[in-house]
Amino acid sequence: MQQINVPNLNLSLSFFSGQVFDWEHNRKTDEYSGDLLGDFATLKHDCKRQELLFSGTTKEKVREFFDLGADYQRMLDSIRKADPKLYSDSKRYFGLRILRQDSWKAAVAFVCSQNNNIPRIRKMLGALRKKYGKGGAFPTAQRLSKATLLGLRGLGLGYRAEYIHSLAKNVASGKLDFAQLEKRSYEDAFVHLIDNQHGVGPKVADCLLLYGLGKMDAFPTDVWVRKAVQRRYSKELDEFAECEKCRAKEVPYQIIGSFARKKFGKDAGYAQQFLFLCERNLENKRRKW
């Protein structure tokens, strides 16, 4: 295996916190295997040496996938300043990294994630790879754009088949250009996705922007993140919603995201991961009680 210095990395947290769905953990060897930017890679982190051991891919792709140029200490300092309590509660999760995935594959994965669970998402992605992929790789947008809607429905994708069909055609034709989308501000990119891509709602858009396009101010909000925000920042959130002239009984998705960006700035996406993990951990403790 090759090696690269990567301190404070937790592979388990990074792979199993809802960012990716097709990585496997071998408990006997403590190795992780999966799709790393088109390569089938095997990884292992040596905590003592603070080295990431890897095979099946290149150092360049490892650096890109784990975004090793990002200043995570600065992000943590920023979160500590914004919310010392969240910083303290999250210390066990500091090895988590926001993965920089292939934008196209991330888009398909998060479309599949709608109203779904991880085993079924994995099954759907595996079915797409098996039927339309080449040489074991995930199918390209160009290849998948030639699939019929009937063929996609036959893979058990349900209503998501229509969304993936539209997504593939738009990406293959250049109507949806991830490289151009990455250059836009978060707000512009978010609106563009919502307005122009059938089947991409606010949460899927935020997941794609954070995990596929590296927009760290995106704030994907699922039921756990909503609970965390409302529990930790109830008064602040209510005041913010009132300032935004929001009269809804339940604070809308976009208001929660705007609140998080005001509180955590450009590190909102990283704070979101800690809010999610802390809330899930709290719920697990409650169930044990």
Protein backbone atom coordinates (compact mmCIF):
# COMPACT_ATOMS: atom_id res chain seq x y z
CA MET A 1 0.00 0.00 0.00
CA GLN A 2 1.06 3.58 -0.65
CA GLN A 3 0.88 6.11 2.17
CA ILE A 4 0.20 9.76 2.73
CA ASN A 5 0.25 11.82 5.90
CA VAL A 6 -3.30 12.60 7.03
CA PRO A 7 -3.62 13.52 10.72
CA ASN A 8 -6.90 13.45 12.63
CA LEU A 9 -8.83 11.34 10.12
CA ASN A 10 -11.73 9.07 11.02
CA LEU A 11 -12.64 6.92 8.03
CA SER A 12 -15.70 5.38 9.67
CA LEU A 13 -17.28 8.75 10.40
CA SER A 14 -16.42 10.09 6.96
CA PHE A 15 -17.86 7.11 5.10
CA PHE A 16 -20.89 6.34 7.26
CA SER A 17 -22.32 9.77 8.06
CA GLY A 18 -24.63 10.00 5.05
CA GLN A 19 -22.15 11.39 2.53
CA VAL A 20 -21.56 8.21 0.50
CA PHE A 21 -23.45 4.94 0.32
CA ASP A 22 -21.24 2.33 -1.35
CA TRP A 23 -18.22 1.91 0.92
CA GLU A 24 -17.58 -1.29 2.87
CA HIS A 25 -15.66 -1.87 6.11
CA ASN A 26 -13.66 -5.07 6.66
CA ARG A 27 -13.59 -5.43 10.45
CA LYS A 28 -10.88 -8.07 10.40
CA THR A 29 -8.35 -5.89 8.59
CA ASP A 30 -9.95 -2.52 9.50
CA GLU A 31 -9.84 -1.60 5.82
CA TYR A 32 -12.41 0.39 3.85
CA SER A 33 -13.13 -0.32 0.19
CA GLY A 34 -15.20 1.58 -2.33
CA ASP A 35 -15.42 3.97 -5.25
CA LEU A 36 -12.88 6.78 -4.97
CA LEU A 37 -13.39 9.14 -7.93
CA GLY A 38 -13.79 6.25 -10.35
CA ASP A 39 -11.17 3.95 -8.83
CA PHE A 40 -11.94 0.96 -6.64
CA ALA A 41 -9.73 1.81 -3.68
CA THR A 42 -8.85 0.20 -0.37
CA LEU A 43 -7.93 2.47 2.55
CA LYS A 44 -6.69 2.10 6.09
CA HIS A 45 -5.72 4.81 8.57
CA ASP A 46 -2.75 4.26 10.87
CA CYS A 47 -3.64 6.35 13.91
CA LYS A 48 -0.21 6.02 15.54
CA ARG A 49 1.69 7.20 12.48
CA GLN A 50 -1.14 9.48 11.34
CA GLU A 51 -0.88 8.01 7.85
CA LEU A 52 -3.52 6.99 5.35
CA LEU A 53 -2.56 3.75 3.61
CA PHE A 54 -4.19 3.14 0.23
CA SER A 55 -4.17 1.00 -2.88
CA GLY A 56 -6.10 1.02 -6.14
CA THR A 57 -5.88 4.77 -6.67
CA THR A 58 -3.41 7.67 -6.76
CA LYS A 59 -2.14 10.22 -4.25
CA GLU A 60 -3.68 12.98 -6.36
CA LYS A 61 -7.13 11.43 -6.16
CA VAL A 62 -6.77 10.75 -2.43
CA ARG A 63 -5.87 14.40 -1.85
CA GLU A 64 -8.85 15.52 -3.91
CA PHE A 65 -11.35 13.07 -2.39
CA PHE A 66 -10.47 13.98 1.19
CA ASP A 67 -9.93 17.65 0.30
CA LEU A 68 -6.59 17.58 2.07
CA GLY A 69 -5.92 21.21 1.24
CA ALA A 70 -8.83 22.33 3.43
CA ASP A 71 -7.99 23.95 6.78
CA TYR A 72 -10.09 21.90 9.20
CA GLN A 73 -8.52 23.51 12.24
CA ARG A 74 -9.74 26.88 11.03
CA MET A 75 -13.23 25.41 10.55
CA LEU A 76 -13.23 23.98 14.06
CA ASP A 77 -12.06 27.29 15.51
CA SER A 78 -14.87 29.02 13.62
CA ILE A 79 -17.47 26.59 14.96
CA ARG A 80 -16.11 27.00 18.50
CA LYS A 81 -16.52 30.76 18.20
CA ALA A 82 -20.07 30.44 16.84
CA ASP A 83 -21.19 27.80 19.37
CA PRO A 84 -18.79 26.63 22.12
CA LYS A 85 -21.33 24.02 23.28
CA LEU A 86 -21.58 22.37 19.84
CA TYR A 87 -17.77 22.41 19.61
CA SER A 88 -17.48 20.67 22.97
CA ASP A 89 -20.21 18.11 22.18
CA SER A 90 -18.58 17.28 18.84
CA LYS A 91 -15.00 16.54 19.92
CA ARG A 92 -15.40 12.81 19.34
CA TYR A 93 -16.29 13.57 15.69
CA PHE A 94 -13.39 15.87 14.79
CA GLY A 95 -11.84 13.26 12.45
CA LEU A 96 -14.75 13.55 10.04
CA ARG A 97 -13.97 15.00 6.61
CA ILE A 98 -16.34 16.38 4.01
CA LEU A 99 -15.64 14.17 1.00
CA ARG A 100 -15.24 15.71 -2.46
CA GLN A 101 -17.09 13.20 -4.57
CA ASP A 102 -17.65 12.99 -8.29
CA SER A 103 -20.46 15.48 -8.90
CA TRP A 104 -22.39 13.30 -11.34
CA LYS A 105 -22.38 10.23 -9.14
CA ALA A 106 -23.26 12.30 -6.07
CA ALA A 107 -26.24 13.76 -7.93
CA VAL A 108 -27.56 10.29 -8.82
CA ALA A 109 -26.94 8.97 -5.30
CA PHE A 110 -28.84 11.78 -3.61
CA VAL A 111 -31.72 11.55 -6.06
CA CYS A 112 -31.89 7.88 -5.07
CA SER A 113 -31.78 8.87 -1.39
CA GLN A 114 -35.18 10.58 -1.48
CA ASN A 115 -37.59 8.93 0.98
CA ASN A 116 -35.23 6.00 1.20
CA ASN A 117 -32.92 4.07 3.52
CA ILE A 118 -29.25 3.23 3.07
CA PRO A 119 -29.64 -0.49 2.18
CA ARG A 120 -32.08 0.40 -0.61
CA ILE A 121 -29.92 3.28 -1.86
CA ARG A 122 -26.95 0.91 -2.05
CA LYS A 123 -29.08 -1.61 -3.93
CA MET A 124 -30.21 1.01 -6.45
CA LEU A 125 -26.68 2.29 -7.08
CA GLY A 126 -25.46 -1.28 -7.45
CA ALA A 127 -28.21 -2.06 -9.97
CA LEU A 128 -27.31 1.02 -12.04
CA ARG A 129 -23.64 0.05 -11.97
CA LYS A 130 -24.33 -3.56 -12.93
CA LYS A 131 -26.68 -2.83 -15.84
CA TYR A 132 -25.23 0.35 -17.29
CA GLY A 133 -21.68 0.57 -15.95
CA LYS A 134 -18.63 -0.49 -17.91
CA GLY A 135 -15.83 -2.54 -16.38
CA GLY A 136 -17.37 -2.30 -12.93
CA ALA A 137 -17.38 1.52 -12.96
CA PHE A 138 -20.40 3.65 -12.22
CA PRO A 139 -22.15 4.55 -15.50
CA THR A 140 -21.33 7.94 -17.01
CA ALA A 141 -24.08 10.46 -17.69
CA GLN A 142 -23.57 9.90 -21.42
CA ARG A 143 -24.08 6.17 -21.05
CA LEU A 144 -27.04 6.48 -18.72
CA SER A 145 -28.68 9.10 -20.96
CA LYS A 146 -29.20 6.35 -23.53
CA ALA A 147 -31.12 4.19 -21.07
CA THR A 148 -34.87 4.02 -21.54
CA LEU A 149 -37.23 5.07 -18.79
CA LEU A 150 -38.66 1.56 -18.87
CA GLY A 151 -35.19 0.09 -18.37
CA LEU A 152 -34.53 2.34 -15.38
CA ARG A 153 -37.88 1.52 -13.82
CA GLY A 154 -36.98 -2.14 -14.06
CA LEU A 155 -34.15 -1.59 -11.56
CA GLY A 156 -36.53 -0.89 -8.68
CA LEU A 157 -35.88 2.86 -8.64
CA GLY A 158 -39.57 3.70 -8.33
CA TYR A 159 -40.52 7.30 -9.11
CA ARG A 160 -36.80 8.20 -8.96
CA ALA A 161 -36.30 6.53 -12.37
CA GLU A 162 -37.91 9.52 -14.07
CA TYR A 163 -35.67 11.93 -12.15
CA ILE A 164 -32.49 10.02 -13.02
CA HIS A 165 -33.59 9.78 -16.65
CA SER A 166 -33.97 13.57 -16.78
CA LEU A 167 -30.73 14.17 -14.86
CA ALA A 168 -28.67 11.98 -17.18
CA LYS A 169 -30.01 13.66 -20.32
CA ASN A 170 -29.40 17.15 -18.93
CA VAL A 171 -25.83 16.38 -17.86
CA ALA A 172 -25.00 14.56 -21.11
CA SER A 173 -26.34 17.45 -23.21
CA GLY A 174 -24.57 20.09 -21.14
CA LYS A 175 -27.81 21.67 -19.95
CA LEU A 176 -26.66 20.90 -16.43
CA ASP A 177 -22.94 21.68 -16.19
CA PHE A 178 -21.38 20.84 -12.81
CA ALA A 179 -18.14 22.68 -13.59
CA GLN A 180 -20.07 25.89 -14.27
CA LEU A 181 -22.30 25.31 -11.26
CA GLU A 182 -19.23 25.03 -9.02
CA LYS A 183 -18.16 28.54 -10.07
CA ARG A 184 -21.44 30.09 -8.95
CA SER A 185 -22.23 31.30 -5.46
CA TYR A 186 -24.08 28.88 -3.22
CA GLU A 187 -27.32 30.84 -3.56
CA ASP A 188 -27.18 30.99 -7.38
CA ALA A 189 -26.24 27.32 -7.69
CA PHE A 190 -29.04 26.28 -5.33
CA VAL A 191 -31.69 28.24 -7.23
CA HIS A 192 -30.40 26.96 -10.57
CA LEU A 193 -30.71 23.35 -9.46
CA ILE A 194 -34.18 23.78 -7.97
CA ASP A 195 -35.51 25.66 -10.99
CA ASN A 196 -33.92 23.63 -13.77
CA GLN A 197 -33.55 20.02 -12.67
CA HIS A 198 -36.65 17.84 -12.42
CA GLY A 199 -36.64 15.80 -9.22
CA VAL A 200 -34.06 17.90 -7.36
CA GLY A 201 -35.64 19.51 -4.32
CA PRO A 202 -33.99 21.64 -1.62
CA LYS A 203 -32.38 18.81 0.37
CA VAL A 204 -31.03 16.94 -2.67
CA ALA A 205 -29.69 20.24 -4.04
CA ASP A 206 -27.91 21.00 -0.76
CA CYS A 207 -26.44 17.48 -0.57
CA LEU A 208 -25.11 17.77 -4.12
CA LEU A 209 -23.71 21.25 -3.48
CA LEU A 210 -21.96 20.23 -0.26
CA TYR A 211 -20.73 16.71 -1.04
CA GLY A 212 -20.36 16.94 -4.82
CA LEU A 213 -19.38 20.55 -5.44
CA GLY A 214 -17.60 21.51 -2.23
CA LYS A 215 -19.89 24.39 -1.28
CA MET A 216 -19.32 24.37 2.47
CA ASP A 217 -22.09 26.88 3.12
CA ALA A 218 -24.73 24.38 1.95
CA PHE A 219 -26.76 23.07 4.89
CA PRO A 220 -28.65 19.82 4.10
CA THR A 221 -31.48 19.57 6.60
CA ASP A 222 -33.06 16.21 7.37
CA VAL A 223 -35.25 15.37 10.35
CA TRP A 224 -32.21 14.98 12.66
CA VAL A 225 -30.62 18.28 11.71
CA ARG A 226 -33.96 20.06 12.06
CA LYS A 227 -34.38 18.59 15.56
CA ALA A 228 -30.86 19.63 16.49
CA VAL A 229 -31.30 23.20 15.28
CA GLN A 230 -34.66 23.59 17.00
CA ARG A 231 -33.40 22.07 20.25
CA ARG A 232 -30.16 24.06 20.43
CA TYR A 233 -31.21 27.38 18.91
CA SER A 234 -34.97 27.59 19.44
CA LYS A 235 -35.08 31.23 20.54
CA GLU A 236 -32.49 32.40 18.01
CA LEU A 237 -34.29 30.55 15.21
CA ASP A 238 -37.67 32.00 16.13
CA GLU A 239 -36.23 35.51 16.18
CA PHE A 240 -34.51 34.95 12.85
CA ALA A 241 -37.71 33.55 11.29
CA GLU A 242 -39.64 36.56 12.57
CA CYS A 243 -37.07 38.90 11.03
CA GLU A 244 -37.56 37.03 7.76
CA LYS A 245 -41.31 37.67 8.12
CA CYS A 246 -41.95 33.93 8.31
CA ARG A 247 -45.42 33.13 9.62
CA ALA A 248 -45.42 29.38 8.99
CA LYS A 249 -46.19 27.03 11.87
CA GLU A 250 -43.09 24.99 11.07
CA VAL A 251 -39.96 26.90 10.10
CA PRO A 252 -39.40 26.26 6.36
CA TYR A 253 -36.36 24.43 5.04
CA GLN A 254 -34.74 27.49 3.46
CA ILE A 255 -35.13 29.57 6.63
CA ILE A 256 -33.24 26.94 8.64
CA GLY A 257 -30.44 26.97 6.06
CA SER A 258 -30.27 30.76 6.04
CA PHE A 259 -30.16 30.79 9.84
CA ALA A 260 -27.29 28.27 9.85
CA ARG A 261 -25.33 30.30 7.32
CA LYS A 262 -25.78 33.41 9.45
CA LYS A 263 -24.59 31.55 12.54
CA PHE A 264 -21.75 29.45 11.08
CA GLY A 265 -20.92 31.39 7.92
CA LYS A 266 -19.04 29.48 5.22
CA ASP A 267 -18.56 26.52 7.59
CA ALA A 268 -22.28 25.77 7.92
CA GLY A 269 -21.92 22.50 6.02
CA TYR A 270 -19.28 21.19 8.42
CA ALA A 271 -21.34 22.29 11.45
CA GLN A 272 -24.29 20.42 9.93
CA GLN A 273 -22.41 17.13 10.19
CA PHE A 274 -21.75 17.67 13.89
CA LEU A 275 -25.37 18.66 14.54
CA PHE A 276 -26.53 15.48 12.79
CA LEU A 277 -24.14 13.18 14.64
CA CYS A 278 -24.75 14.75 18.05
CA GLU A 279 -28.52 14.52 17.64
CA ARG A 280 -28.38 10.89 16.57
CA ASN A 281 -26.13 10.08 19.52
CA LEU A 282 -28.52 11.83 21.90
CA GLU A 283 -31.46 9.87 20.51
CA ASN A 284 -29.56 6.58 20.92
CA LYS A 285 -28.89 7.44 24.57
CA ARG A 286 -32.55 8.21 25.14
CA ARG A 287 -33.58 4.83 23.72
CA LYS A 288 -31.17 3.06 26.07
CA TRP A 289 -32.74 4.86 29.03
